[in-house]
Amino acid sequence: MVEIKTAAELDAMREAGRVVARALRAVREAITPGVRLVELDEIAATVIRDSGAKPAFLHYQPRFAPTPFPAVICASVNDVIVHGIPGGYRIGQGDVVSIDCGAYLNGWAADSAFTVIVGPADPADERLVATAEKALEAAIAAAVPGNRLGDIGAAIGAVGRAAGYGIPHDFGGHGIGRHMHEDPHVANEGRPGRGLVLKAGMTLALEPMFTAGGRDRYVTAQDGWALHTVDGSRAVHVEHSVAITDDGPRVLTLV
């Protein structure tokens, strides 16, 4: 079931989104060569706690996962597409780092992600990140009443495929609201004019994921969480929680 939120409920989700945005901003500012991923996790945890919110990822266990997620953020580096568990790895020059974070505030969820290149960037990595951000912008622009779910997937897929990138199958965006993951699934490819009709009051987490090597397949790490590219190529993941409104898309996960 896809819940239609009232204006007041969208405002409440916006406050949850501010918490996530502040946590991600603090993490982004701390990403420098030598910092450990677990230190970034601690930064996000502090921001969320001090905001009176609760981390959405910590102890979360979807059906595909063998164990609960042990951290507040997902920290995915280089060939890790999503769901990287932050540990003792120290970030190095040239690393491509994706950070995903979610939180609950007063019963409402928000979810967002960014990717950053550390230090001097390889032009190919810059293109990868810029393309994902362009795809996210296209997805947000398609999130309007009267469009269909397939229009969002088609917008993301068109950008990624035109650049020659792979789009990992099975994983994509999702509904969000009282729970972090709700219906519907939002695929990162689709057919225009197909699927669920979008209505004002729906809220979706839109999250393009691209792989530089052009392959759609992925390999799951032994921890059961991290998804790696099959060819060792680099990957990117960006995300915003977005409300569909009669006045146009409303991005909920901005500071």
C-alpha atoms as a PDB file:
ATOM      1  CA  MET A   1       0.000   0.000   0.000  1.00  0.00           C
ATOM      2  CA  VAL A   2       1.262   3.472  -0.871  1.00  0.00           C
ATOM      3  CA  GLU A   3       0.310   6.053   1.748  1.00  0.00           C
ATOM      4  CA  ILE A   4      -0.661   9.572   0.737  1.00  0.00           C
ATOM      5  CA  LYS A   5       0.761  12.059   3.252  1.00  0.00           C
ATOM      6  CA  THR A   6      -0.927  15.255   4.364  1.00  0.00           C
ATOM      7  CA  ALA A   7       0.804  18.618   4.191  1.00  0.00           C
ATOM      8  CA  ALA A   8       1.562  18.416   7.916  1.00  0.00           C
ATOM      9  CA  GLU A   9       3.026  14.943   7.519  1.00  0.00           C
ATOM     10  CA  LEU A  10       5.250  16.130   4.676  1.00  0.00           C
ATOM     11  CA  ASP A  11       6.472  18.933   6.925  1.00  0.00           C
ATOM     12  CA  ALA A  12       7.304  16.335   9.591  1.00  0.00           C
ATOM     13  CA  MET A  13       9.238  14.284   7.040  1.00  0.00           C
ATOM     14  CA  ARG A  14      11.063  17.445   6.024  1.00  0.00           C
ATOM     15  CA  GLU A  15      12.340  17.813   9.594  1.00  0.00           C
ATOM     16  CA  ALA A  16      13.591  14.224   9.532  1.00  0.00           C
ATOM     17  CA  GLY A  17      15.249  15.063   6.229  1.00  0.00           C
ATOM     18  CA  ARG A  18      17.046  18.020   7.784  1.00  0.00           C
ATOM     19  CA  VAL A  19      18.565  15.703  10.379  1.00  0.00           C
ATOM     20  CA  VAL A  20      19.872  13.362   7.686  1.00  0.00           C
ATOM     21  CA  ALA A  21      21.174  16.302   5.662  1.00  0.00           C
ATOM     22  CA  ARG A  22      23.050  17.704   8.663  1.00  0.00           C
ATOM     23  CA  ALA A  23      24.556  14.309   9.409  1.00  0.00           C
ATOM     24  CA  LEU A  24      25.705  13.900   5.815  1.00  0.00           C
ATOM     25  CA  ARG A  25      27.125  17.419   5.726  1.00  0.00           C
ATOM     26  CA  ALA A  26      29.178  16.722   8.855  1.00  0.00           C
ATOM     27  CA  VAL A  27      30.443  13.469   7.374  1.00  0.00           C
ATOM     28  CA  ARG A  28      31.302  15.103   4.052  1.00  0.00           C
ATOM     29  CA  GLU A  29      33.345  17.772   5.837  1.00  0.00           C
ATOM     30  CA  ALA A  30      35.272  15.058   7.707  1.00  0.00           C
ATOM     31  CA  ILE A  31      36.198  13.006   4.630  1.00  0.00           C
ATOM     32  CA  THR A  32      39.939  13.519   4.252  1.00  0.00           C
ATOM     33  CA  PRO A  33      42.867  11.207   3.559  1.00  0.00           C
ATOM     34  CA  GLY A  34      43.637   9.102   6.622  1.00  0.00           C
ATOM     35  CA  VAL A  35      40.232   9.240   8.280  1.00  0.00           C
ATOM     36  CA  ARG A  36      38.754   5.844   9.104  1.00  0.00           C
ATOM     37  CA  LEU A  37      35.273   4.933   7.917  1.00  0.00           C
ATOM     38  CA  VAL A  38      34.235   4.085  11.462  1.00  0.00           C
ATOM     39  CA  GLU A  39      35.089   7.640  12.493  1.00  0.00           C
ATOM     40  CA  LEU A  40      32.639   8.921   9.897  1.00  0.00           C
ATOM     41  CA  ASP A  41      30.028   6.609  11.357  1.00  0.00           C
ATOM     42  CA  GLU A  42      30.607   8.087  14.801  1.00  0.00           C
ATOM     43  CA  ILE A  43      30.159  11.608  13.430  1.00  0.00           C
ATOM     44  CA  ALA A  44      26.808  10.762  11.864  1.00  0.00           C
ATOM     45  CA  ALA A  45      25.676   8.975  15.019  1.00  0.00           C
ATOM     46  CA  THR A  46      26.441  12.051  17.109  1.00  0.00           C
ATOM     47  CA  VAL A  47      24.529  14.421  14.826  1.00  0.00           C
ATOM     48  CA  ILE A  48      21.491  12.136  14.748  1.00  0.00           C
ATOM     49  CA  ARG A  49      21.518  11.628  18.522  1.00  0.00           C
ATOM     50  CA  ASP A  50      21.971  15.313  19.276  1.00  0.00           C
ATOM     51  CA  SER A  51      19.020  16.084  16.987  1.00  0.00           C
ATOM     52  CA  GLY A  52      16.719  13.883  19.052  1.00  0.00           C
ATOM     53  CA  ALA A  53      16.422  11.407  16.180  1.00  0.00           C
ATOM     54  CA  LYS A  54      17.195   7.701  15.785  1.00  0.00           C
ATOM     55  CA  PRO A  55      19.409   6.081  13.137  1.00  0.00           C
ATOM     56  CA  ALA A  56      17.391   4.140  10.591  1.00  0.00           C
ATOM     57  CA  PHE A  57      20.163   1.792   9.452  1.00  0.00           C
ATOM     58  CA  LEU A  58      21.505   0.591  12.801  1.00  0.00           C
ATOM     59  CA  HIS A  59      20.272  -2.977  13.503  1.00  0.00           C
ATOM     60  CA  TYR A  60      18.133  -2.954  10.342  1.00  0.00           C
ATOM     61  CA  GLN A  61      17.819  -6.413   8.781  1.00  0.00           C
ATOM     62  CA  PRO A  62      15.979  -6.788   5.471  1.00  0.00           C
ATOM     63  CA  ARG A  63      15.204 -10.208   4.075  1.00  0.00           C
ATOM     64  CA  PHE A  64      18.354 -10.424   1.964  1.00  0.00           C
ATOM     65  CA  ALA A  65      20.721  -9.755   4.880  1.00  0.00           C
ATOM     66  CA  PRO A  66      22.066 -12.571   7.077  1.00  0.00           C
ATOM     67  CA  THR A  67      22.714 -10.230  10.024  1.00  0.00           C
ATOM     68  CA  PRO A  68      21.452  -6.824  11.237  1.00  0.00           C
ATOM     69  CA  PHE A  69      23.348  -3.839   9.863  1.00  0.00           C
ATOM     70  CA  PRO A  70      25.913  -2.837  12.518  1.00  0.00           C
ATOM     71  CA  ALA A  71      26.351   0.868  11.768  1.00  0.00           C
ATOM     72  CA  VAL A  72      24.617   4.221  11.357  1.00  0.00           C
ATOM     73  CA  ILE A  73      25.853   4.921   7.825  1.00  0.00           C
ATOM     74  CA  CYS A  74      26.694   2.852   4.788  1.00  0.00           C
ATOM     75  CA  ALA A  75      30.207   3.739   3.636  1.00  0.00           C
ATOM     76  CA  SER A  76      30.972   2.328   0.186  1.00  0.00           C
ATOM     77  CA  VAL A  77      34.435   2.878  -1.288  1.00  0.00           C
ATOM     78  CA  ASN A  78      35.588   2.502  -4.910  1.00  0.00           C
ATOM     79  CA  ASP A  79      34.183  -0.808  -6.228  1.00  0.00           C
ATOM     80  CA  VAL A  80      31.530  -1.076  -3.486  1.00  0.00           C
ATOM     81  CA  ILE A  81      28.218   0.037  -4.961  1.00  0.00           C
ATOM     82  CA  VAL A  82      26.123   0.247  -1.789  1.00  0.00           C
ATOM     83  CA  HIS A  83      25.771  -1.151   1.753  1.00  0.00           C
ATOM     84  CA  GLY A  84      29.409  -0.942   2.748  1.00  0.00           C
ATOM     85  CA  ILE A  85      29.901  -1.480   6.489  1.00  0.00           C
ATOM     86  CA  PRO A  86      32.160   1.239   7.944  1.00  0.00           C
ATOM     87  CA  GLY A  87      35.196  -0.264   9.611  1.00  0.00           C
ATOM     88  CA  GLY A  88      38.877   0.507  10.058  1.00  0.00           C
ATOM     89  CA  TYR A  89      39.664   1.301   6.424  1.00  0.00           C
ATOM     90  CA  ARG A  90      41.482   4.636   6.098  1.00  0.00           C
ATOM     91  CA  ILE A  91      40.418   6.787   3.179  1.00  0.00           C
ATOM     92  CA  GLY A  92      43.156   7.487   0.639  1.00  0.00           C
ATOM     93  CA  GLN A  93      43.796  10.031  -2.076  1.00  0.00           C
ATOM     94  CA  GLY A  94      41.663   9.334  -5.130  1.00  0.00           C
ATOM     95  CA  ASP A  95      39.120   7.161  -3.362  1.00  0.00           C
ATOM     96  CA  VAL A  96      35.505   7.372  -4.490  1.00  0.00           C
ATOM     97  CA  VAL A  97      33.426   7.362  -1.302  1.00  0.00           C
ATOM     98  CA  SER A  98      29.641   6.976  -1.161  1.00  0.00           C
ATOM     99  CA  ILE A  99      27.883   7.694   2.131  1.00  0.00           C
ATOM    100  CA  ASP A 100      24.250   6.705   2.735  1.00  0.00           C
ATOM    101  CA  CYS A 101      22.360   7.710   5.870  1.00  0.00           C
ATOM    102  CA  GLY A 102      18.827   7.436   7.230  1.00  0.00           C
ATOM    103  CA  ALA A 103      17.079   8.604  10.372  1.00  0.00           C
ATOM    104  CA  TYR A 104      13.720   8.649  12.140  1.00  0.00           C
ATOM    105  CA  LEU A 105      12.383  11.768  13.804  1.00  0.00           C
ATOM    106  CA  ASN A 106       9.014  11.765  15.549  1.00  0.00           C
ATOM    107  CA  GLY A 107       7.946   8.633  13.713  1.00  0.00           C
ATOM    108  CA  TRP A 108       8.953   9.724  10.205  1.00  0.00           C
ATOM    109  CA  ALA A 109      11.892   8.527   8.115  1.00  0.00           C
ATOM    110  CA  ALA A 110      14.307  10.192   5.726  1.00  0.00           C
ATOM    111  CA  ASP A 111      17.087   8.697   3.604  1.00  0.00           C
ATOM    112  CA  SER A 112      19.819  10.309   1.489  1.00  0.00           C
ATOM    113  CA  ALA A 113      23.249   9.619   0.009  1.00  0.00           C
ATOM    114  CA  PHE A 114      26.137  11.380  -1.710  1.00  0.00           C
ATOM    115  CA  THR A 115      29.364  10.385  -3.429  1.00  0.00           C
ATOM    116  CA  VAL A 116      32.603  12.361  -3.192  1.00  0.00           C
ATOM    117  CA  ILE A 117      36.082  11.929  -4.670  1.00  0.00           C
ATOM    118  CA  VAL A 118      38.917  12.413  -2.187  1.00  0.00           C
ATOM    119  CA  GLY A 119      41.756  14.674  -3.235  1.00  0.00           C
ATOM    120  CA  PRO A 120      42.858  14.982  -6.869  1.00  0.00           C
ATOM    121  CA  ALA A 121      40.209  13.283  -8.994  1.00  0.00           C
ATOM    122  CA  ASP A 122      40.557  11.051 -12.015  1.00  0.00           C
ATOM    123  CA  PRO A 123      38.475  12.601 -14.830  1.00  0.00           C
ATOM    124  CA  ALA A 124      36.706   9.269 -15.327  1.00  0.00           C
ATOM    125  CA  ASP A 125      35.612   9.289 -11.674  1.00  0.00           C
ATOM    126  CA  GLU A 126      34.464  12.901 -11.968  1.00  0.00           C
ATOM    127  CA  ARG A 127      32.335  11.951 -14.954  1.00  0.00           C
ATOM    128  CA  LEU A 128      30.858   9.001 -13.071  1.00  0.00           C
ATOM    129  CA  VAL A 129      29.814  11.133 -10.103  1.00  0.00           C
ATOM    130  CA  ALA A 130      28.510  13.965 -12.274  1.00  0.00           C
ATOM    131  CA  THR A 131      26.424  11.533 -14.311  1.00  0.00           C
ATOM    132  CA  ALA A 132      24.820  10.041 -11.217  1.00  0.00           C
ATOM    133  CA  GLU A 133      23.974  13.513  -9.926  1.00  0.00           C
ATOM    134  CA  LYS A 134      22.480  14.384 -13.316  1.00  0.00           C
ATOM    135  CA  ALA A 135      20.392  11.202 -13.168  1.00  0.00           C
ATOM    136  CA  LEU A 136      19.132  12.108  -9.703  1.00  0.00           C
ATOM    137  CA  GLU A 137      18.106  15.542 -10.963  1.00  0.00           C
ATOM    138  CA  ALA A 138      16.252  13.899 -13.858  1.00  0.00           C
ATOM    139  CA  ALA A 139      14.501  11.507 -11.496  1.00  0.00           C
ATOM    140  CA  ILE A 140      13.400  14.331  -9.222  1.00  0.00           C
ATOM    141  CA  ALA A 141      12.092  16.307 -12.204  1.00  0.00           C
ATOM    142  CA  ALA A 142       9.976  13.299 -13.220  1.00  0.00           C
ATOM    143  CA  ALA A 143       8.416  12.984  -9.743  1.00  0.00           C
ATOM    144  CA  VAL A 144       5.254  14.961 -10.482  1.00  0.00           C
ATOM    145  CA  PRO A 145       1.543  14.146 -10.251  1.00  0.00           C
ATOM    146  CA  GLY A 146       0.227  12.366 -13.332  1.00  0.00           C
ATOM    147  CA  ASN A 147       3.536  10.804 -14.292  1.00  0.00           C
ATOM    148  CA  ARG A 148       4.090   7.117 -13.712  1.00  0.00           C
ATOM    149  CA  LEU A 149       6.714   5.204 -11.814  1.00  0.00           C
ATOM    150  CA  GLY A 150       8.249   4.073 -15.082  1.00  0.00           C
ATOM    151  CA  ASP A 151       8.937   7.691 -15.997  1.00  0.00           C
ATOM    152  CA  ILE A 152      11.299   7.995 -13.032  1.00  0.00           C
ATOM    153  CA  GLY A 153      13.142   4.794 -13.886  1.00  0.00           C
ATOM    154  CA  ALA A 154      13.328   5.787 -17.532  1.00  0.00           C
ATOM    155  CA  ALA A 155      14.808   9.166 -16.606  1.00  0.00           C
ATOM    156  CA  ILE A 156      17.549   7.558 -14.499  1.00  0.00           C
ATOM    157  CA  GLY A 157      18.257   4.786 -16.963  1.00  0.00           C
ATOM    158  CA  ALA A 158      18.508   7.111 -19.949  1.00  0.00           C
ATOM    159  CA  VAL A 159      21.230   9.166 -18.280  1.00  0.00           C
ATOM    160  CA  GLY A 160      23.220   6.159 -17.085  1.00  0.00           C
ATOM    161  CA  ARG A 161      23.013   4.142 -20.278  1.00  0.00           C
ATOM    162  CA  ALA A 162      23.925   7.117 -22.463  1.00  0.00           C
ATOM    163  CA  ALA A 163      27.161   7.368 -20.488  1.00  0.00           C
ATOM    164  CA  GLY A 164      27.857   3.646 -20.921  1.00  0.00           C
ATOM    165  CA  TYR A 165      27.447   2.749 -17.257  1.00  0.00           C
ATOM    166  CA  GLY A 166      26.015  -0.357 -15.666  1.00  0.00           C
ATOM    167  CA  ILE A 167      22.892  -0.219 -13.523  1.00  0.00           C
ATOM    168  CA  PRO A 168      22.819  -2.889 -10.797  1.00  0.00           C
ATOM    169  CA  HIS A 169      19.675  -4.972 -11.069  1.00  0.00           C
ATOM    170  CA  ASP A 170      17.367  -5.636  -8.105  1.00  0.00           C
ATOM    171  CA  PHE A 171      18.389  -2.527  -6.174  1.00  0.00           C
ATOM    172  CA  GLY A 172      16.945   0.963  -6.545  1.00  0.00           C
ATOM    173  CA  GLY A 173      14.781   3.498  -4.786  1.00  0.00           C
ATOM    174  CA  HIS A 174      11.723   2.963  -2.644  1.00  0.00           C
ATOM    175  CA  GLY A 175       8.767   4.498  -0.933  1.00  0.00           C
ATOM    176  CA  ILE A 176       9.496   6.128   2.405  1.00  0.00           C
ATOM    177  CA  GLY A 177       7.415   7.546   5.234  1.00  0.00           C
ATOM    178  CA  ARG A 178       6.558   5.890   8.517  1.00  0.00           C
ATOM    179  CA  HIS A 179       9.155   3.266   7.602  1.00  0.00           C
ATOM    180  CA  MET A 180      12.446   3.657   5.791  1.00  0.00           C
ATOM    181  CA  HIS A 181      11.486   1.135   3.124  1.00  0.00           C
ATOM    182  CA  GLU A 182       7.906   1.152   1.923  1.00  0.00           C
ATOM    183  CA  ASP A 183       6.085   0.423  -1.337  1.00  0.00           C
ATOM    184  CA  PRO A 184       6.667   1.027  -4.158  1.00  0.00           C
ATOM    185  CA  HIS A 185      10.039  -0.193  -5.381  1.00  0.00           C
ATOM    186  CA  VAL A 186      11.527   2.481  -7.662  1.00  0.00           C
ATOM    187  CA  ALA A 187      13.673   0.806 -10.307  1.00  0.00           C
ATOM    188  CA  ASN A 188      16.594   2.677 -11.838  1.00  0.00           C
ATOM    189  CA  GLU A 189      15.341   1.776 -15.302  1.00  0.00           C
ATOM    190  CA  GLY A 190      11.823   1.757 -16.656  1.00  0.00           C
ATOM    191  CA  ARG A 191       9.448   2.378 -19.523  1.00  0.00           C
ATOM    192  CA  PRO A 192       7.831   5.799 -19.809  1.00  0.00           C
ATOM    193  CA  GLY A 193       4.106   5.825 -19.192  1.00  0.00           C
ATOM    194  CA  ARG A 194       4.143   2.489 -17.367  1.00  0.00           C
ATOM    195  CA  GLY A 195       3.569   1.592 -13.733  1.00  0.00           C
ATOM    196  CA  LEU A 196       1.960   3.262 -10.745  1.00  0.00           C
ATOM    197  CA  VAL A 197       0.414   6.698 -11.326  1.00  0.00           C
ATOM    198  CA  LEU A 198       2.177   9.297  -9.179  1.00  0.00           C
ATOM    199  CA  LYS A 199      -0.068  11.356  -6.896  1.00  0.00           C
ATOM    200  CA  ALA A 200       0.474  14.361  -4.673  1.00  0.00           C
ATOM    201  CA  GLY A 201       1.400  13.255  -1.169  1.00  0.00           C
ATOM    202  CA  MET A 202       3.497  10.273  -2.229  1.00  0.00           C
ATOM    203  CA  THR A 203       7.067  10.213  -0.918  1.00  0.00           C
ATOM    204  CA  LEU A 204       9.887   8.359  -2.632  1.00  0.00           C
ATOM    205  CA  ALA A 205      13.584   7.829  -2.015  1.00  0.00           C
ATOM    206  CA  LEU A 206      15.233   8.138  -5.431  1.00  0.00           C
ATOM    207  CA  GLU A 207      18.715   6.653  -5.670  1.00  0.00           C
ATOM    208  CA  PRO A 208      20.648   6.160  -8.896  1.00  0.00           C
ATOM    209  CA  MET A 209      23.501   3.626  -8.710  1.00  0.00           C
ATOM    210  CA  PHE A 210      25.920   3.296 -11.621  1.00  0.00           C
ATOM    211  CA  THR A 211      28.990   1.161 -12.261  1.00  0.00           C
ATOM    212  CA  ALA A 212      31.827   2.493 -14.412  1.00  0.00           C
ATOM    213  CA  GLY A 213      32.555  -0.856 -16.066  1.00  0.00           C
ATOM    214  CA  GLY A 214      29.125  -1.008 -17.680  1.00  0.00           C
ATOM    215  CA  ARG A 215      28.026  -4.290 -16.112  1.00  0.00           C
ATOM    216  CA  ASP A 216      24.735  -4.682 -14.287  1.00  0.00           C
ATOM    217  CA  ARG A 217      25.755  -7.688 -12.201  1.00  0.00           C
ATOM    218  CA  TYR A 218      27.283  -7.390  -8.751  1.00  0.00           C
ATOM    219  CA  VAL A 219      28.921  -9.620  -6.161  1.00  0.00           C
ATOM    220  CA  THR A 220      27.785  -9.695  -2.540  1.00  0.00           C
ATOM    221  CA  ALA A 221      30.583  -9.584   0.044  1.00  0.00           C
ATOM    222  CA  GLN A 222      31.033 -12.272   2.660  1.00  0.00           C
ATOM    223  CA  ASP A 223      29.439  -9.975   5.241  1.00  0.00           C
ATOM    224  CA  GLY A 224      26.178 -10.319   3.313  1.00  0.00           C
ATOM    225  CA  TRP A 225      25.819  -6.568   2.889  1.00  0.00           C
ATOM    226  CA  ALA A 226      28.326  -4.818   0.599  1.00  0.00           C
ATOM    227  CA  LEU A 227      27.672  -5.099  -3.125  1.00  0.00           C
ATOM    228  CA  HIS A 228      30.825  -5.027  -5.269  1.00  0.00           C
ATOM    229  CA  THR A 229      31.155  -4.497  -9.000  1.00  0.00           C
ATOM    230  CA  VAL A 230      31.992  -7.753 -10.755  1.00  0.00           C
ATOM    231  CA  ASP A 231      34.946  -6.253 -12.627  1.00  0.00           C
ATOM    232  CA  GLY A 232      36.455  -4.108  -9.869  1.00  0.00           C
ATOM    233  CA  SER A 233      35.380  -0.904 -11.588  1.00  0.00           C
ATOM    234  CA  ARG A 234      34.235   2.032  -9.524  1.00  0.00           C
ATOM    235  CA  ALA A 235      30.660   2.729  -8.536  1.00  0.00           C
ATOM    236  CA  VAL A 236      28.560   5.677  -7.471  1.00  0.00           C
ATOM    237  CA  HIS A 237      25.387   6.120  -5.411  1.00  0.00           C
ATOM    238  CA  VAL A 238      23.395   9.309  -4.793  1.00  0.00           C
ATOM    239  CA  GLU A 239      19.959   9.735  -3.216  1.00  0.00           C
ATOM    240  CA  HIS A 240      17.300  12.143  -1.986  1.00  0.00           C
ATOM    241  CA  SER A 241      13.945  11.611  -0.322  1.00  0.00           C
ATOM    242  CA  VAL A 242      11.370  13.471  -2.397  1.00  0.00           C
ATOM    243  CA  ALA A 243       7.708  14.406  -1.939  1.00  0.00           C
ATOM    244  CA  ILE A 244       5.400  14.591  -4.929  1.00  0.00           C
ATOM    245  CA  THR A 245       3.269  17.728  -4.626  1.00  0.00           C
ATOM    246  CA  ASP A 246       0.940  19.771  -6.802  1.00  0.00           C
ATOM    247  CA  ASP A 247       3.589  22.510  -6.726  1.00  0.00           C
ATOM    248  CA  GLY A 248       6.317  20.236  -8.069  1.00  0.00           C
ATOM    249  CA  PRO A 249       8.872  17.897  -6.472  1.00  0.00           C
ATOM    250  CA  ARG A 250       9.857  18.772  -2.908  1.00  0.00           C
ATOM    251  CA  VAL A 251      13.271  17.506  -1.862  1.00  0.00           C
ATOM    252  CA  LEU A 252      13.013  16.565   1.809  1.00  0.00           C
ATOM    253  CA  THR A 253      16.669  15.811   2.541  1.00  0.00           C
ATOM    254  CA  LEU A 254      18.251  19.240   2.283  1.00  0.00           C
ATOM    255  CA  VAL A 255      19.717  21.137   5.239  1.00  0.00           C
END
